[in-house]
Protein backbone atom coordinates (compact mmCIF):
# COMPACT_ATOMS: atom_id res chain seq x y z
CA MET A 1 -38.26 36.14 2.39
CA ARG A 2 -40.97 33.52 1.99
CA LEU A 3 -38.97 31.76 -0.72
CA CYS A 4 -35.92 31.71 1.56
CA LEU A 5 -37.94 30.17 4.40
CA GLU A 6 -39.45 27.61 2.03
CA THR A 7 -35.96 26.71 0.78
CA VAL A 8 -34.73 26.14 4.33
CA ALA A 9 -37.87 24.10 5.12
CA VAL A 10 -37.27 21.90 2.08
CA ALA A 11 -33.64 21.29 3.05
CA LEU A 12 -34.38 20.55 6.70
CA SER A 13 -37.36 18.32 5.93
CA MET A 14 -35.24 16.32 3.49
CA PHE A 15 -31.95 16.10 5.36
CA SER A 16 -33.12 16.10 8.97
CA ALA A 17 -35.81 14.70 11.24
CA ILE A 18 -36.65 18.15 12.61
CA PRO A 19 -40.38 18.88 12.26
CA MET A 20 -40.98 21.45 9.53
CA PRO A 21 -44.09 23.18 8.18
CA SER A 22 -45.60 21.36 5.24
CA VAL A 23 -44.18 22.93 2.08
CA LEU A 24 -44.95 21.86 -1.46
CA TRP A 25 -41.63 21.14 -3.18
CA ASN A 26 -41.30 22.92 -6.50
CA GLU A 27 -38.66 24.21 -8.89
CA ARG A 28 -38.41 27.56 -7.08
CA ASN A 29 -37.81 26.37 -3.52
CA MET A 30 -35.57 23.47 -4.55
CA ARG A 31 -33.27 25.70 -6.60
CA TYR A 32 -31.03 26.59 -3.67
CA ALA A 33 -32.06 23.90 -1.17
CA LEU A 34 -28.59 22.35 -1.18
CA CYS A 35 -27.18 25.68 0.01
CA ALA A 36 -29.29 25.28 3.16
CA PHE A 37 -28.09 21.69 3.66
CA PRO A 38 -25.13 22.79 5.89
CA LEU A 39 -27.64 24.30 8.33
CA VAL A 40 -28.24 20.75 9.57
CA GLY A 41 -24.55 20.67 10.51
CA VAL A 42 -24.98 23.93 12.44
CA ILE A 43 -27.81 22.37 14.47
CA ILE A 44 -25.76 19.24 15.22
CA ALA A 45 -22.80 21.40 16.27
CA LEU A 46 -24.92 23.45 18.67
CA LEU A 47 -26.38 20.29 20.21
CA TRP A 48 -22.90 18.79 20.56
CA TRP A 49 -21.64 21.87 22.39
CA GLY A 50 -24.73 21.99 24.59
CA ALA A 51 -24.42 18.30 25.43
CA VAL A 52 -20.77 18.67 26.40
CA VAL A 53 -21.54 21.63 28.68
CA LEU A 54 -24.51 19.85 30.27
CA CYS A 55 -22.55 16.64 30.83
CA GLU A 56 -19.75 18.57 32.55
CA LEU A 57 -22.21 20.49 34.73
CA LEU A 58 -23.92 17.26 35.81
CA GLY A 59 -20.64 15.39 36.19
CA LEU A 60 -21.82 12.54 33.95
CA PRO A 61 -19.42 9.64 33.20
CA VAL A 62 -17.31 9.86 30.04
CA MET A 63 -18.99 6.78 28.52
CA LEU A 64 -22.46 8.30 28.95
CA ARG A 65 -21.28 11.55 27.39
CA ALA A 66 -19.77 9.58 24.51
CA ALA A 67 -23.08 7.78 23.92
CA ILE A 68 -25.00 11.07 23.87
CA LEU A 69 -22.55 12.67 21.43
CA CYS A 70 -22.59 9.57 19.25
CA LEU A 71 -26.38 9.60 18.96
CA ILE A 72 -26.97 13.33 18.42
CA PRO A 73 -26.26 13.23 14.64
CA VAL A 74 -28.53 10.19 14.29
CA PHE A 75 -31.45 11.83 16.07
CA VAL A 76 -31.07 15.11 14.16
CA THR A 77 -30.81 13.51 10.70
CA GLY A 78 -33.15 10.59 11.33
CA GLY A 79 -30.43 8.28 10.00
CA ILE A 80 -30.91 9.33 6.37
CA HIS A 81 -27.17 9.37 5.67
CA LEU A 82 -26.58 6.14 7.62
CA ASP A 83 -29.08 4.48 5.30
CA GLY A 84 -26.91 5.46 2.33
CA TYR A 85 -23.81 4.34 4.19
CA ALA A 86 -25.31 0.90 4.90
CA ASP A 87 -26.57 0.41 1.33
CA THR A 88 -23.23 1.45 -0.15
CA CYS A 89 -21.27 -0.87 2.15
CA ASP A 90 -23.57 -3.72 1.10
CA ALA A 91 -23.06 -2.92 -2.58
CA LEU A 92 -19.26 -2.63 -2.29
CA ALA A 93 -19.03 -5.93 -0.40
CA SER A 94 -20.80 -7.70 -3.26
CA HIS A 95 -17.79 -7.24 -5.61
CA ALA A 96 -20.34 -7.24 -8.43
CA SER A 97 -20.61 -5.14 -11.59
CA PRO A 98 -21.57 -1.45 -11.36
CA GLU A 99 -25.04 -2.34 -12.66
CA ARG A 100 -25.53 -5.00 -9.99
CA ARG A 101 -24.24 -2.61 -7.31
CA GLN A 102 -26.87 -0.08 -8.39
CA GLU A 103 -29.54 -2.75 -7.94
CA ILE A 104 -28.27 -3.46 -4.42
CA LEU A 105 -28.47 0.26 -3.58
CA LYS A 106 -32.15 0.24 -4.55
CA ASP A 107 -32.91 -2.93 -2.58
CA PRO A 108 -34.83 -1.93 0.61
CA ARG A 109 -33.59 -5.00 2.46
CA CYS A 110 -30.56 -4.71 4.76
CA GLY A 111 -27.78 -7.17 3.98
CA ALA A 112 -25.33 -8.80 6.34
CA PHE A 113 -22.44 -6.53 5.33
CA ALA A 114 -24.54 -3.43 5.97
CA VAL A 115 -25.17 -4.62 9.53
CA ILE A 116 -21.51 -5.49 10.05
CA TRP A 117 -20.27 -2.11 8.83
CA LEU A 118 -22.90 -0.16 10.74
CA CYS A 119 -21.94 -1.94 13.97
CA SER A 120 -18.27 -1.30 13.25
CA TYR A 121 -19.01 2.36 12.50
CA PHE A 122 -20.83 2.94 15.79
CA VAL A 123 -18.22 1.09 17.86
CA GLY A 124 -15.50 3.27 16.34
CA TYR A 125 -17.50 6.49 16.57
CA PHE A 126 -18.47 5.80 20.17
CA ALA A 127 -14.82 5.17 21.06
CA LEU A 128 -13.75 8.40 19.36
CA CYS A 129 -16.45 10.36 21.19
CA GLY A 130 -15.11 8.91 24.44
CA ALA A 131 -11.54 9.84 23.55
CA PHE A 132 -12.56 13.34 22.42
CA ILE A 133 -11.10 16.03 24.70
CA PRO A 134 -13.77 18.76 24.99
CA GLU A 135 -11.48 21.78 24.85
CA LYS A 136 -12.76 25.00 23.28
CA LYS A 137 -10.69 24.73 20.11
CA ALA A 138 -11.52 21.06 19.60
CA LEU A 139 -15.24 21.78 20.13
CA LEU A 140 -15.18 24.55 17.56
CA CYS A 141 -13.36 22.30 15.08
CA ILE A 142 -15.80 19.40 15.50
CA GLY A 143 -18.69 21.84 15.05
CA LEU A 144 -17.19 23.13 11.81
CA SER A 145 -16.65 19.54 10.63
CA PHE A 146 -20.41 18.84 10.65
CA ILE A 147 -20.94 21.87 8.41
CA LEU A 148 -17.96 21.12 6.14
CA SER A 149 -19.04 17.53 5.45
CA ARG A 150 -22.44 18.76 4.26
CA ALA A 151 -20.97 21.53 2.13
CA LEU A 152 -18.75 18.97 0.39
CA SER A 153 -21.58 16.47 0.01
CA GLY A 154 -23.80 19.13 -1.56
CA LEU A 155 -20.99 20.12 -3.92
CA CYS A 156 -20.66 16.52 -5.06
CA VAL A 157 -24.38 16.25 -5.79
CA VAL A 158 -24.39 19.30 -8.09
CA SER A 159 -20.92 18.81 -9.61
CA LEU A 160 -20.54 15.10 -10.33
CA SER A 161 -22.32 13.10 -13.00
CA GLY A 162 -25.05 10.90 -11.62
CA ALA A 163 -25.11 7.14 -11.92
CA LYS A 164 -28.83 7.21 -12.77
CA ASN A 165 -31.55 9.63 -13.82
CA THR A 166 -33.80 8.90 -10.87
CA GLY A 167 -33.72 9.35 -7.09
CA LEU A 168 -33.75 12.29 -4.71
CA ALA A 169 -30.12 13.26 -5.36
CA HIS A 170 -30.85 13.45 -9.07
CA GLY A 171 -33.97 15.50 -8.33
CA PHE A 172 -32.04 18.01 -6.23
CA ALA A 173 -29.23 18.16 -8.79
CA VAL A 174 -31.61 18.81 -11.69
CA ALA A 175 -33.64 21.42 -9.78
CA ALA A 176 -30.56 23.25 -8.48
CA GLU A 177 -29.19 26.45 -10.01
CA LYS A 178 -25.93 24.57 -10.38
CA ARG A 179 -23.47 27.38 -11.00
CA THR A 180 -24.76 29.49 -8.11
CA VAL A 181 -24.95 26.52 -5.73
CA GLN A 182 -21.42 25.49 -6.65
CA ILE A 183 -20.10 29.01 -6.00
CA LEU A 184 -21.91 29.35 -2.66
CA LEU A 185 -20.98 25.92 -1.35
CA GLY A 186 -17.43 26.31 -2.67
CA ALA A 187 -17.08 29.67 -0.91
CA LEU A 188 -18.49 28.13 2.30
CA THR A 189 -15.96 25.30 2.05
CA VAL A 190 -13.07 27.76 1.71
CA PHE A 191 -14.40 29.83 4.62
CA LEU A 192 -14.73 26.75 6.84
CA CYS A 193 -11.20 25.59 6.03
CA ALA A 194 -9.87 29.08 6.84
CA ALA A 195 -11.85 29.13 10.10
CA LEU A 196 -10.40 25.73 11.02
CA PHE A 197 -6.87 26.91 10.31
CA ILE A 198 -7.32 30.04 12.42
CA THR A 199 -8.75 27.99 15.28
CA ASP A 200 -5.95 25.44 15.47
CA GLY A 201 -3.28 24.91 12.83
CA LEU A 202 -2.39 21.29 13.61
CA ILE A 203 -5.95 20.06 14.01
CA SER A 204 -7.05 21.93 10.89
CA ILE A 205 -4.29 20.43 8.76
CA CYS A 206 -5.24 16.93 9.92
CA MET A 207 -8.94 17.57 9.30
CA ILE A 208 -8.52 19.18 5.88
CA LEU A 209 -6.20 16.43 4.69
CA THR A 210 -8.64 13.83 6.00
CA ALA A 211 -11.65 15.46 4.35
CA GLY A 212 -9.75 15.88 1.08
CA GLY A 213 -8.58 12.28 1.14
CA SER A 214 -12.10 11.04 1.86
CA LEU A 215 -13.47 13.16 -0.99
CA LEU A 216 -10.94 11.85 -3.53
CA CYS A 217 -11.42 8.25 -2.40
CA CYS A 218 -15.21 8.41 -2.53
CA VAL A 219 -15.33 10.17 -5.90
CA HIS A 220 -12.96 7.56 -7.36
CA THR A 221 -15.07 4.74 -5.90
CA ALA A 222 -18.28 6.28 -7.26
CA ARG A 223 -16.88 6.55 -10.77
CA THR A 224 -15.16 3.17 -10.97
CA LYS A 225 -17.54 0.97 -8.98
CA PHE A 226 -20.95 2.62 -9.47
CA GLY A 227 -20.67 4.56 -12.70
CA GLY A 228 -21.46 7.88 -11.05
CA TRP A 229 -22.75 9.69 -7.98
CA SER A 230 -26.03 9.04 -6.16
CA GLY A 231 -27.89 9.91 -2.96
CA ASP A 232 -26.69 6.76 -1.21
CA LEU A 233 -23.09 7.56 -2.09
CA ALA A 234 -23.55 11.12 -0.82
CA GLY A 235 -24.67 9.71 2.54
CA TRP A 236 -21.81 7.20 2.56
CA PHE A 237 -19.31 9.97 1.86
CA LEU A 238 -20.76 12.23 4.55
CA GLN A 239 -20.61 9.54 7.24
CA LYS A 240 -17.07 8.49 6.33
CA THR A 241 -15.86 12.08 6.26
CA GLU A 242 -17.37 12.94 9.65
CA PHE A 243 -15.93 9.78 11.18
CA TRP A 244 -12.41 10.42 9.96
CA MET A 245 -12.48 14.13 10.75
CA LEU A 246 -13.40 13.27 14.35
CA ALA A 247 -10.58 10.71 14.34
CA SER A 248 -8.16 13.38 13.10
CA ILE A 249 -9.25 15.77 15.88
CA VAL A 250 -8.69 13.09 18.52
CA PHE A 251 -5.33 12.16 16.98
CA ALA A 252 -4.11 15.77 16.82
CA SER A 253 -5.30 16.50 20.38
CA TYR A 254 -3.22 13.66 21.77
CA VAL A 255 -0.19 14.25 19.55
CA LYS A 256 0.03 18.03 20.06
CA PRO A 257 1.38 17.86 23.66
CA LEU A 258 4.20 15.60 22.42
CA LEU A 259 5.43 18.09 19.81
């Protein structure tokens, strides 16, 4: 039981800004830490649902609700995945060699393209949150999307070859009991896709196709433009996947009445 709690504490302290008891990271409690990674998605989902209910009870304007929903993932994660998203956008915009792109990922400075893409991301995400129709099925689907994106991101970390032998992603990949983590996260992914399909067929198809397309695109980009996977690319993939899954929910919600 203690090992399980330590594993969860390691995952939440790494992938969220939620205060956790101080735990010494070691080979034992990092072995299955990636399996606890989707718990961050559960927390975001619960806060999203709570925010929607509270906003409706208080009669808050749609734009204010959209701003709250847009910022919840940032506050929960502390922006760790957005950091990877910004660094990766900067590196891709350089059109340099894979080696030079890796150097840009390690550069702590924020480039112009990182700022541009972050601003574009938040404008789009805010607009999608405003267009989101908070029906029960859509709320359940968006909640599952936060968990699914993290299950897929964790799978990539333990399954894909790394671009370098350093960094936190490499550390988690090396420490992980890879076969077991792959099976558990793979089973969770299948379960989440089945839950989505049961909830709403049209929305689930749009979301699963979107997530699959994002996964294939990001894996291809990692291999051809960076020489392998990394922590920054995992964050970039997670942010892109969540953005486009929300877009697919909004799209399906507006198209469904027309069918």
